[in-house]
Protein backbone atom coordinates (compact mmCIF):
# COMPACT_ATOMS: atom_id res chain seq x y z
CA MET A 1 105.25 277.13 224.87
CA LEU A 2 107.83 274.94 226.63
CA GLY A 3 109.76 272.12 225.03
CA LEU A 4 110.25 273.41 221.51
CA MET A 5 113.48 272.75 219.64
CA GLN A 6 116.04 275.37 218.68
CA ASP A 7 115.33 277.06 215.36
CA HIS A 8 118.43 277.26 213.18
CA PRO A 9 117.94 277.92 209.44
CA LEU A 10 119.01 275.17 207.05
CA LEU A 11 121.68 277.04 205.08
CA ILE A 12 124.28 275.77 202.63
CA SER A 13 127.01 277.54 204.61
CA SER A 14 126.23 275.20 207.52
CA LEU A 15 127.42 272.24 205.43
CA ILE A 16 130.95 273.51 204.83
CA ARG A 17 131.12 274.84 208.38
CA PHE A 18 130.25 271.36 209.70
CA ALA A 19 132.77 269.68 207.39
CA ASP A 20 135.49 272.05 208.61
CA ARG A 21 134.69 271.59 212.30
CA HIS A 22 134.23 267.80 212.29
CA HIS A 23 136.15 266.59 209.23
CA GLY A 24 138.65 269.41 208.78
CA THR A 25 141.63 267.24 207.82
CA THR A 26 139.73 265.22 205.21
CA GLU A 27 141.04 265.89 201.71
CA ILE A 28 139.51 267.46 198.63
CA VAL A 29 141.59 266.48 195.60
CA SER A 30 141.06 267.92 192.14
CA ARG A 31 142.61 267.92 188.71
CA THR A 32 142.88 271.46 187.37
CA ASN A 33 144.32 272.94 184.18
CA GLU A 34 147.47 273.71 186.18
CA GLY A 35 147.83 270.18 187.55
CA MET A 36 146.74 268.21 190.62
CA HIS A 37 145.51 270.21 193.59
CA ARG A 38 145.15 268.88 197.12
CA TYR A 39 143.84 270.50 200.28
CA THR A 40 141.39 269.92 203.16
CA TYR A 41 137.85 270.89 204.13
CA THR A 42 139.38 273.41 206.53
CA ASP A 43 141.37 274.95 203.68
CA ALA A 44 138.32 274.98 201.40
CA HIS A 45 136.21 276.65 204.08
CA ALA A 46 138.82 279.37 204.60
CA ARG A 47 139.10 280.08 200.88
CA SER A 48 135.31 280.08 200.50
CA ARG A 49 135.11 282.79 203.16
CA GLN A 50 137.82 284.78 201.39
CA LEU A 51 135.92 284.43 198.12
CA ALA A 52 132.68 285.48 199.83
CA LYS A 53 134.35 288.70 200.94
CA ALA A 54 135.66 289.26 197.41
CA LEU A 55 132.15 288.86 196.00
CA LEU A 56 130.80 291.39 198.47
CA ARG A 57 133.58 293.81 197.53
CA LEU A 58 132.53 293.41 193.88
CA GLY A 59 129.05 294.50 194.89
CA VAL A 60 127.28 291.13 194.81
CA GLY A 61 124.17 291.25 196.95
CA ALA A 62 121.24 289.11 198.02
CA ASP A 63 119.50 287.31 195.15
CA ASP A 64 122.11 288.42 192.60
CA ARG A 65 122.93 285.71 190.10
CA VAL A 66 126.59 284.71 189.79
CA ALA A 67 127.30 282.21 187.01
CA THR A 68 129.92 279.49 186.65
CA ILE A 69 131.17 277.81 183.47
CA ALA A 70 133.54 275.29 184.94
CA TRP A 71 134.57 271.67 185.40
CA ASN A 72 134.57 269.70 188.64
CA ASN A 73 137.43 271.25 190.59
CA SER A 74 138.27 272.90 193.90
CA ARG A 75 137.59 276.46 192.73
CA HIS A 76 134.14 275.46 191.51
CA PHE A 77 133.57 273.84 194.92
CA GLU A 78 134.51 277.10 196.64
CA LEU A 79 132.11 279.05 194.43
CA TYR A 80 129.26 276.70 195.35
CA TYR A 81 129.62 277.75 198.99
CA ALA A 82 130.80 281.36 198.68
CA ILE A 83 128.03 282.51 196.34
CA SER A 84 125.13 280.86 198.14
CA GLY A 85 126.68 281.56 201.54
CA ILE A 86 126.23 285.33 201.20
CA GLY A 87 122.62 285.00 199.98
CA ALA A 88 123.40 285.27 196.27
CA ILE A 89 122.45 282.60 193.70
CA CYS A 90 125.00 280.19 192.19
CA HIS A 91 124.04 279.70 188.54
CA THR A 92 125.86 276.71 187.05
CA ILE A 93 125.92 276.78 183.24
CA ASN A 94 126.28 273.75 180.98
CA PRO A 95 129.00 274.66 178.42
CA ARG A 96 127.88 271.82 176.15
CA LEU A 97 124.83 273.78 175.07
CA PHE A 98 124.76 275.64 171.78
CA PRO A 99 126.15 279.22 172.06
CA ASP A 100 122.76 280.80 171.32
CA GLN A 101 121.30 278.84 174.23
CA LEU A 102 124.15 279.94 176.50
CA VAL A 103 123.51 283.57 175.60
CA TYR A 104 119.81 283.11 176.28
CA ILE A 105 120.49 281.48 179.66
CA ILE A 106 122.93 284.17 180.85
CA ASN A 107 120.59 286.97 179.82
CA ASP A 108 117.47 285.26 181.14
CA ALA A 109 119.14 284.70 184.52
CA GLN A 110 120.43 288.29 184.50
CA ASP A 111 123.83 287.10 185.67
CA ARG A 112 125.97 289.92 187.08
CA LEU A 113 129.26 287.99 187.20
CA VAL A 114 130.48 284.95 185.28
CA PHE A 115 133.32 282.75 186.54
CA PHE A 116 134.93 280.46 183.94
CA ASP A 117 137.67 277.85 183.67
CA MET A 118 140.43 278.70 181.21
CA THR A 119 139.31 275.73 179.09
CA PHE A 120 136.26 277.79 178.20
CA ALA A 121 138.03 281.12 177.55
CA PRO A 122 137.49 280.90 173.76
CA LEU A 123 133.80 280.08 174.31
CA VAL A 124 133.36 282.94 176.77
CA SER A 125 135.17 285.33 174.43
CA GLY A 126 132.41 284.74 171.88
CA LEU A 127 129.61 285.03 174.44
CA ARG A 128 130.54 288.22 176.22
CA ARG A 129 129.51 290.71 173.53
CA HIS A 130 126.02 289.19 173.53
CA CYS A 131 125.64 289.43 177.32
CA PRO A 132 125.66 293.15 178.13
CA GLY A 133 124.24 292.62 181.62
CA VAL A 134 127.36 290.81 182.85
CA GLU A 135 129.40 293.36 184.80
CA CYS A 136 132.60 291.33 184.97
CA TRP A 137 134.07 288.00 183.95
CA VAL A 138 136.48 286.10 186.21
CA ALA A 139 139.06 283.57 184.98
CA MET A 140 139.31 280.67 187.45
CA THR A 141 143.10 280.45 187.59
CA ASP A 142 146.11 282.44 188.77
CA ARG A 143 147.78 285.20 186.81
CA GLU A 144 150.51 282.92 185.45
CA TYR A 145 148.02 280.73 183.60
CA MET A 146 145.76 283.44 182.23
CA VAL A 147 145.98 283.45 178.45
CA GLU A 148 145.37 286.22 175.96
CA SER A 149 141.86 284.91 175.20
CA ALA A 150 140.85 285.84 178.75
CA PHE A 151 140.23 289.37 177.31
CA GLY A 152 141.15 291.29 180.46
CA ALA A 153 139.00 289.24 182.84
CA LEU A 154 139.59 289.44 186.57
CA CYS A 155 141.88 286.82 188.09
CA TYR A 156 140.25 284.39 190.56
CA GLU A 157 143.36 283.81 192.66
CA GLU A 158 144.05 287.52 192.96
CA LEU A 159 140.50 288.10 194.20
CA VAL A 160 140.91 285.43 196.87
CA ALA A 161 144.40 286.48 197.92
CA ALA A 162 143.27 290.06 198.51
CA GLU A 163 140.94 288.99 201.33
CA SER A 164 141.37 287.44 204.77
CA ASP A 165 139.28 284.50 205.95
CA GLY A 166 137.92 286.50 208.88
CA PHE A 167 134.28 286.28 207.88
CA ASP A 168 131.12 285.00 209.55
CA TRP A 169 128.48 283.51 207.31
CA PRO A 170 125.26 285.52 207.60
CA ASP A 171 121.97 284.02 208.77
CA PHE A 172 118.83 284.49 206.67
CA ASP A 173 115.62 282.69 205.78
CA GLU A 174 116.28 279.08 204.72
CA ARG A 175 113.76 279.50 201.91
CA THR A 176 116.07 282.02 200.25
CA ALA A 177 117.09 281.02 196.72
CA SER A 178 120.54 279.39 196.61
CA SER A 179 121.21 277.89 193.19
CA LEU A 180 119.95 278.02 189.62
CA CYS A 181 120.14 275.31 186.96
CA TYR A 182 118.62 275.37 183.50
CA THR A 183 117.17 272.25 181.93
CA SER A 184 117.03 271.63 178.20
CA GLY A 185 114.68 268.70 178.68
CA THR A 186 111.84 270.60 177.00
CA THR A 187 111.22 272.05 173.57
CA GLY A 188 112.06 275.68 173.00
CA ASN A 189 114.38 277.65 175.26
CA PRO A 190 115.91 276.04 178.37
CA LYS A 191 113.95 276.56 181.59
CA GLY A 192 115.46 277.71 184.86
CA VAL A 193 114.99 275.75 188.08
CA LEU A 194 115.65 277.69 191.26
CA TYR A 195 116.68 275.79 194.39
CA SER A 196 116.45 277.10 197.96
CA HIS A 197 118.85 276.62 200.86
CA ARG A 198 116.23 274.49 202.60
CA SER A 199 115.64 272.26 199.57
CA THR A 200 119.38 271.82 198.97
CA VAL A 201 120.23 270.91 202.57
CA LEU A 202 117.35 268.43 202.78
CA HIS A 203 118.37 266.91 199.42
CA SER A 204 121.99 266.65 200.61
CA ILE A 205 120.96 264.69 203.70
CA GLY A 206 118.50 262.56 201.72
CA ALA A 207 121.11 261.68 199.11
CA ALA A 208 123.55 260.42 201.77
CA LEU A 209 121.10 258.06 203.51
CA PRO A 210 121.87 254.32 203.63
CA ASP A 211 118.95 253.48 201.35
CA THR A 212 120.03 256.15 198.89
CA MET A 213 123.75 256.56 198.07
CA SER A 214 124.88 255.32 201.50
CA LEU A 215 127.69 257.85 201.92
CA SER A 216 129.89 258.09 205.01
CA ALA A 217 133.14 259.61 206.28
CA ARG A 218 134.87 256.39 205.23
CA ASP A 219 134.07 256.95 201.55
CA VAL A 220 136.20 258.48 198.82
CA VAL A 221 133.77 260.01 196.33
CA LEU A 222 134.52 260.92 192.71
CA PRO A 223 131.53 262.49 190.95
CA ILE A 224 132.01 262.06 187.20
CA VAL A 225 128.68 263.79 186.63
CA PRO A 226 129.55 267.48 186.06
CA MET A 227 128.96 270.15 188.66
CA PHE A 228 127.13 272.04 185.88
CA HIS A 229 124.67 269.13 185.53
CA ALA A 230 122.09 269.40 188.35
CA ASN A 231 124.82 270.24 190.87
CA ALA A 232 126.68 266.96 190.26
CA TRP A 233 123.61 265.20 191.69
CA GLY A 234 124.28 266.92 195.02
CA ALA A 235 127.68 265.29 195.66
CA PRO A 236 129.58 268.51 196.60
CA TYR A 237 126.99 269.06 199.34
CA SER A 238 126.42 265.46 200.49
CA CYS A 239 130.15 264.84 200.87
CA ALA A 240 130.35 267.80 203.24
CA VAL A 241 127.38 266.44 205.21
CA VAL A 242 129.16 263.15 205.96
CA GLY A 243 132.80 264.28 205.70
CA ALA A 244 133.70 262.03 202.78
CA LYS A 245 136.91 262.61 200.85
CA LEU A 246 136.02 264.33 197.59
CA VAL A 247 137.91 263.75 194.33
CA LEU A 248 137.13 266.11 191.45
CA PRO A 249 138.32 264.96 188.01
CA GLY A 250 138.36 268.28 186.11
CA PRO A 251 138.16 268.09 182.30
CA ALA A 252 139.97 264.74 181.88
CA LEU A 253 137.08 262.28 181.61
CA ASP A 254 138.67 259.70 179.32
CA GLY A 255 139.01 256.13 180.53
CA GLU A 256 142.74 256.23 181.29
CA SER A 257 142.61 259.53 183.21
CA LEU A 258 139.63 258.47 185.28
CA TYR A 259 141.06 255.03 186.06
CA ASN A 260 144.37 256.48 187.22
CA LEU A 261 142.57 258.94 189.48
CA PHE A 262 140.31 256.20 190.88
CA GLU A 263 143.34 254.10 191.77
CA THR A 264 145.65 256.86 192.99
CA GLU A 265 143.06 258.30 195.38
CA GLY A 266 141.40 255.03 196.43
CA VAL A 267 137.92 255.98 195.20
CA THR A 268 135.13 253.87 196.75
CA PHE A 269 132.05 255.56 195.25
CA SER A 270 131.28 257.31 191.99
CA ALA A 271 128.35 258.60 189.95
CA GLY A 272 127.85 259.29 186.26
CA VAL A 273 125.85 258.66 183.10
CA PRO A 274 126.15 255.36 181.16
CA ALA A 275 128.23 256.85 178.33
CA VAL A 276 131.13 257.61 180.68
CA TRP A 277 131.04 254.16 182.24
CA LEU A 278 131.11 252.61 178.78
CA GLY A 279 134.37 254.39 177.98
CA LEU A 280 135.85 253.43 181.35
CA LEU A 281 134.87 249.78 180.96
CA HIS A 282 136.37 249.72 177.47
CA TYR A 283 139.68 251.00 178.88
CA LEU A 284 139.64 248.36 181.63
CA HIS A 285 138.92 245.57 179.15
CA GLU A 286 141.59 246.65 176.66
CA ASN A 287 144.23 246.83 179.40
CA ARG A 288 143.02 243.89 181.51
CA LEU A 289 142.61 246.05 184.61
CA ARG A 290 140.36 246.04 187.67
CA PHE A 291 139.48 248.58 190.32
CA SER A 292 141.14 248.01 193.68
CA ARG A 293 138.76 249.94 195.96
CA LEU A 294 135.71 251.03 193.96
CA ARG A 295 132.66 249.35 195.49
CA ARG A 296 129.52 251.34 194.51
CA VAL A 297 128.44 253.42 191.55
CA VAL A 298 125.26 255.33 190.84
CA ILE A 299 124.20 255.39 187.20
CA GLY A 300 121.53 257.81 186.05
CA GLY A 301 120.78 260.37 183.37
CA SER A 302 119.54 257.59 181.10
CA ALA A 303 118.85 253.88 181.51
CA CYS A 304 121.82 251.67 182.33
CA PRO A 305 122.13 248.87 179.75
CA PRO A 306 121.95 245.41 181.37
CA THR A 307 125.28 244.42 179.80
CA MET A 308 126.96 247.39 181.46
CA MET A 309 125.44 246.53 184.81
CA GLN A 310 126.64 242.93 184.44
CA ALA A 311 130.16 244.05 183.51
CA LEU A 312 130.45 246.31 186.55
CA GLU A 313 129.00 243.70 188.89
CA GLY A 314 131.49 241.22 187.43
CA LEU A 315 134.20 243.54 188.74
CA GLY A 316 132.70 243.38 192.24
CA ILE A 317 130.99 246.76 191.98
CA GLU A 318 127.43 247.35 193.18
CA VAL A 319 125.41 249.28 190.60
CA LEU A 320 122.70 251.59 191.90
CA HIS A 321 120.28 252.57 189.16
CA ALA A 322 118.80 256.01 189.81
CA TRP A 323 116.30 258.43 188.32
CA GLY A 324 115.67 262.13 188.77
CA MET A 325 115.41 265.48 187.04
CA THR A 326 116.87 268.95 187.30
CA GLU A 327 113.44 269.96 188.58
CA MET A 328 113.93 267.50 191.46
CA SER A 329 117.36 268.71 192.63
CA PRO A 330 117.74 266.01 190.96
CA LEU A 331 117.26 262.90 193.10
CA GLY A 332 113.98 260.98 192.82
CA THR A 333 114.57 257.23 193.12
CA VAL A 334 117.50 254.89 193.77
CA CYS A 335 117.44 251.14 193.22
CA GLN A 336 118.51 249.86 196.62
CA LEU A 337 117.36 246.35 197.45
CA LYS A 338 115.10 245.32 200.33
CA SER A 339 115.65 242.47 202.78
CA ARG A 340 113.07 240.41 200.91
CA HIS A 341 115.54 240.23 198.03
CA ASP A 342 118.18 238.41 200.12
CA ASP A 343 117.05 235.01 198.88
CA ALA A 344 115.98 236.11 195.39
CA SER A 345 117.33 234.32 192.34
CA ALA A 346 119.94 235.95 190.14
CA GLU A 347 117.28 236.39 187.45
CA ASP A 348 114.86 238.12 189.82
CA LEU A 349 117.60 240.37 191.19
CA ALA A 350 118.60 241.41 187.68
CA ALA A 351 114.99 242.32 186.93
CA VAL A 352 114.79 244.50 190.04
CA ARG A 353 118.14 246.20 189.45
CA ALA A 354 117.09 247.08 185.91
CA LYS A 355 114.43 249.35 187.41
CA GLN A 356 115.08 252.94 188.44
CA GLY A 357 114.40 252.17 192.08
CA ARG A 358 112.32 253.32 195.04
CA ALA A 359 111.50 256.87 196.05
CA VAL A 360 113.78 258.23 198.75
CA TYR A 361 112.43 260.09 201.76
CA GLY A 362 111.67 263.62 200.60
CA VAL A 363 110.06 262.50 197.34
CA ASP A 364 106.52 261.20 196.92
CA ILE A 365 105.54 259.63 193.60
CA LYS A 366 102.51 258.28 191.77
CA ILE A 367 101.43 257.34 188.26
CA VAL A 368 98.24 258.66 186.70
CA GLY A 369 96.16 257.91 183.62
CA GLU A 370 94.87 260.30 180.97
CA ASN A 371 92.04 261.40 183.26
CA GLY A 372 94.44 262.21 186.09
CA ALA A 373 93.28 259.33 188.28
CA GLU A 374 95.98 257.47 190.21
CA LEU A 375 96.87 254.05 188.79
CA PRO A 376 97.72 250.86 190.70
CA TRP A 377 101.22 249.85 191.73
CA ASP A 378 101.21 246.43 190.09
CA GLY A 379 104.38 246.65 187.99
CA LYS A 380 102.34 246.33 184.82
CA THR A 381 100.05 249.34 184.56
CA PHE A 382 101.92 252.32 183.16
CA GLY A 383 101.05 255.98 183.43
CA ASP A 384 102.45 259.50 183.67
CA LEU A 385 104.92 259.71 186.54
CA MET A 386 104.21 262.51 189.03
CA ALA A 387 106.35 263.70 191.95
CA ARG A 388 106.18 266.11 194.87
CA GLY A 389 108.32 266.98 197.85
CA PRO A 390 110.46 269.67 199.53
CA TRP A 391 113.13 269.52 196.82
CA VAL A 392 110.77 269.32 193.82
CA ALA A 393 110.22 272.45 191.71
CA ASN A 394 107.07 274.47 192.25
CA SER A 395 107.49 276.68 189.18
CA TYR A 396 110.11 277.75 186.65
CA PHE A 397 112.35 280.81 186.83
CA GLY A 398 112.70 283.91 184.67
CA SER A 399 110.96 284.31 181.34
CA SER A 400 109.73 280.71 181.58
CA ALA A 401 108.14 281.32 185.00
CA ASN A 402 104.90 279.45 185.32
CA GLU A 403 103.20 277.11 187.71
CA ALA A 404 104.78 273.69 187.11
CA LEU A 405 102.40 271.72 189.31
CA GLN A 406 99.17 269.88 188.64
CA GLU A 407 97.11 269.84 191.83
CA GLY A 408 100.30 269.93 193.87
CA TRP A 409 102.19 267.34 191.80
CA PHE A 410 104.99 267.87 189.28
CA ALA A 411 104.45 266.12 185.94
CA THR A 412 107.85 264.59 185.16
CA GLY A 413 107.14 263.90 181.48
CA ASP A 414 108.11 260.26 181.97
CA VAL A 415 105.85 257.26 181.61
CA ALA A 416 106.45 254.51 184.16
CA THR A 417 105.21 251.50 186.07
CA ILE A 418 105.47 251.11 189.84
CA ASP A 419 105.45 247.65 191.42
CA ALA A 420 104.02 246.60 194.79
CA ASP A 421 107.36 247.31 196.50
CA GLY A 422 107.45 250.84 195.10
CA TYR A 423 110.10 250.23 192.42
CA VAL A 424 109.75 252.56 189.44
CA GLN A 425 110.52 251.49 185.90
CA ILE A 426 110.59 254.18 183.21
CA THR A 427 108.93 252.76 180.08
CA ASP A 428 108.72 255.79 177.82
CA ARG A 429 108.56 259.57 177.77
CA SER A 430 105.37 261.45 177.26
CA LYS A 431 107.23 264.01 175.19
CA ASP A 432 109.38 263.12 172.24
CA VAL A 433 112.59 264.58 173.53
CA ILE A 434 115.66 262.38 173.11
CA LYS A 435 118.10 261.69 175.93
CA SER A 436 121.63 261.02 174.73
CA GLY A 437 124.40 260.37 177.23
CA GLY A 438 122.46 262.20 179.93
CA GLU A 439 121.79 265.26 177.74
CA TRP A 440 118.39 266.16 176.32
CA ILE A 441 117.85 266.72 172.59
CA SER A 442 114.64 268.24 171.25
CA SER A 443 113.22 266.25 168.33
CA ILE A 444 110.99 269.16 167.36
CA GLU A 445 113.96 271.50 167.08
CA LEU A 446 115.78 269.02 164.82
CA GLU A 447 112.65 268.59 162.69
CA ASN A 448 112.23 272.33 162.27
CA ILE A 449 115.80 272.67 161.01
CA ALA A 450 115.32 269.82 158.53
CA MET A 451 112.07 271.32 157.28
CA ALA A 452 113.94 274.52 156.49
CA HIS A 453 115.90 272.69 153.78
CA PRO A 454 114.38 273.38 150.36
CA ALA A 455 114.34 269.71 149.35
CA VAL A 456 112.48 268.43 152.43
CA ALA A 457 108.71 267.90 152.29
CA GLU A 458 108.32 266.44 155.80
CA ALA A 459 110.64 265.26 158.54
CA ALA A 460 110.47 263.28 161.76
CA VAL A 461 113.22 262.78 164.33
CA ILE A 462 113.18 259.87 166.74
CA GLY A 463 115.54 258.52 169.35
CA VAL A 464 116.87 255.03 168.63
CA LYS A 465 119.15 252.66 170.52
CA HIS A 466 122.87 253.42 170.52
CA ALA A 467 125.66 251.20 171.81
CA ARG A 468 127.47 253.99 173.65
CA TRP A 469 125.09 256.91 174.21
CA ASP A 470 122.00 254.84 175.03
CA GLU A 471 119.93 256.85 172.57
CA ARG A 472 120.74 258.96 169.52
CA PRO A 473 118.57 260.93 167.05
CA VAL A 474 117.82 259.64 163.57
CA LEU A 475 116.22 261.84 160.92
CA LEU A 476 113.47 260.37 158.72
CA VAL A 477 112.81 262.45 155.63
CA GLN A 478 110.25 262.60 152.86
CA ILE A 479 111.74 264.50 149.93
CA LYS A 480 109.77 266.87 147.73
CA MET A 481 108.83 265.55 144.30
CA ASP A 482 111.72 265.85 141.83
CA ALA A 483 114.04 267.13 144.56
CA VAL A 484 117.50 265.64 145.08
CA VAL A 485 119.45 265.73 148.31
CA SER A 486 122.04 263.44 149.93
CA ARG A 487 122.42 262.20 153.50
CA GLU A 488 125.65 264.19 153.88
CA GLU A 489 124.02 267.40 152.64
CA LEU A 490 121.19 267.13 155.18
CA LEU A 491 123.54 266.44 158.09
CA THR A 492 125.80 269.34 157.02
CA PHE A 493 122.69 271.54 156.97
CA TYR A 494 122.61 271.26 160.79
CA HIS A 495 126.07 272.78 161.22
CA ASP A 496 126.04 276.21 162.91
CA LYS A 497 122.36 275.74 163.75
CA ILE A 498 122.60 273.42 166.74
CA ALA A 499 125.18 271.91 169.08
CA LYS A 500 127.33 269.34 167.31
CA TRP A 501 126.36 266.54 169.69
CA SER A 502 122.67 267.14 168.87
CA ILE A 503 123.07 266.50 165.12
CA PRO A 504 121.31 263.26 164.02
CA ASP A 505 123.52 260.21 163.56
CA ASP A 506 121.84 259.11 160.35
CA VAL A 507 119.22 259.98 157.74
CA VAL A 508 116.58 257.57 156.47
CA PHE A 509 114.74 258.49 153.27
CA VAL A 510 111.09 257.38 153.21
CA THR A 511 108.27 257.73 150.66
CA SER A 512 105.81 258.85 153.37
CA LEU A 513 105.49 259.28 157.13
CA PRO A 514 102.62 257.79 159.19
CA HIS A 515 100.10 260.15 160.83
CA THR A 516 97.32 259.86 163.39
CA ALA A 517 93.73 260.88 162.64
CA ALA A 518 94.55 264.25 164.15
CA GLY A 519 97.42 264.71 161.70
CA LYS A 520 100.22 264.11 164.22
CA LEU A 521 103.25 262.01 163.36
CA MET A 522 103.00 258.48 164.75
CA LYS A 523 106.40 258.44 166.44
CA VAL A 524 105.62 255.38 168.53
CA GLN A 525 105.28 253.41 165.31
CA LEU A 526 108.45 254.91 163.87
CA ARG A 527 110.41 254.02 167.00
CA GLU A 528 109.20 250.45 166.81
CA VAL A 529 110.29 250.11 163.16
CA TYR A 530 113.67 251.84 163.50
CA ALA A 531 114.58 250.98 167.11
CA ASN A 532 117.71 249.03 166.09
CA HIS A 533 118.62 251.10 163.03
CA LEU A 534 121.96 252.39 164.32
CA LEU A 535 122.87 249.05 165.88
CA SER A 536 122.49 247.41 162.46
CA LEU A 537 124.92 249.80 160.76
CA PRO A 538 128.62 248.93 160.41
CA GLN A 539 130.51 250.03 163.52
CA GLY A 540 133.71 251.97 163.20
């Protein structure tokens, strides 16, 4: 048949190849453990090809999982492209998870190699004996900075230096798996989400569109969101698509370090969860500072408090509220305005910006009731939020593998309204997981630990409002008759059983807990009663 287009596979390697060819002199700047590092897309492409050859020499093949435990830096960027570029799978691991979860994830993914920043050498030292399937561990530094706790790991810089950059990226099916992220947004063990080259490239283009993050070659982008958290919301890929300067902050995420990097590098766009912006705004306020070039920020992971949005807008910064999930690569909606809002009042604009935004091309959404029937988009009726599209998960990976769809739609677990203009507003979650600073905490897991204490008759954990982290867990406890236990003893009971940041912030002793007719805890009622519990406590 005449007139058909050329058929080139949508591969992740094409992104870095394009950035090299058309934006080769544009900088990638990163803060590493050794200091500031600065090079170009052309340099990054050359080193990624060297690293690809090193991986092949180590025996990495198609579909092999290669893990990373690393901050946002240039070496992590190179791994993104080198691993996926040869047809292997880049498995980014969240080091903030509890060690038992990390062991589970590495073994469930069947990772063959693990690359790690020296910051995490002590953590990795404790993991390695529980991960017999890992054939080698690689310290992401040069020989000079490798410390004793690296336990004889291979040296990243030596692997790269041993290879030339004479390498052609292979072609293969664009539906080949490219990346693997685990989500802890469910009860039980984390679930793996496997992305394809096709889904990643489409997501990268979709994320850069004007009605999404509106990225261009004129931008300087600093993703605060970690590269181990849903691929930094796609920023390392989208920046290559448009040729934007990329600034990677490494482990220094305090207000002063971030501000100095923003100003030194002339950052125009950034993305992160509310908790990080709160710390940054506090630093600005205490030191009476302003940003000189920052113009747009995307805030997601959890709802952006209106006061935070107002503070940023008061500094001349446009705030783009966004929503998504690991299972959605992660982008779902972004709160960009329409032309009809040009003459809207300040009050009406604030109401719109408080929503999570409109679906971007590549994502279709709807809300459904208990019977599965689609509900109207009137901004008032709420229902279970469903999504589908070329970068939305079809099923989970590994031991959690199962069909994730309901009649072709992914059930997000969020409850939302959608207005006539398509703006989504998350009103609740259908599951009782707690989202704190962009990280998920399982209320059931916390309850099970509390119930293991000999003095506890029944326990409920709910998420309540928190000034910094948006939401934090509070433990409500009914004590057994004649038993005696203190708040401090119960909180200490969580130590060594769960990640420190998952431990409840407070304990409330109650005489009884409310139940439904079916015997389930009435958590909606508990949340209503204790919604402001932490806000009412003395701050300090």
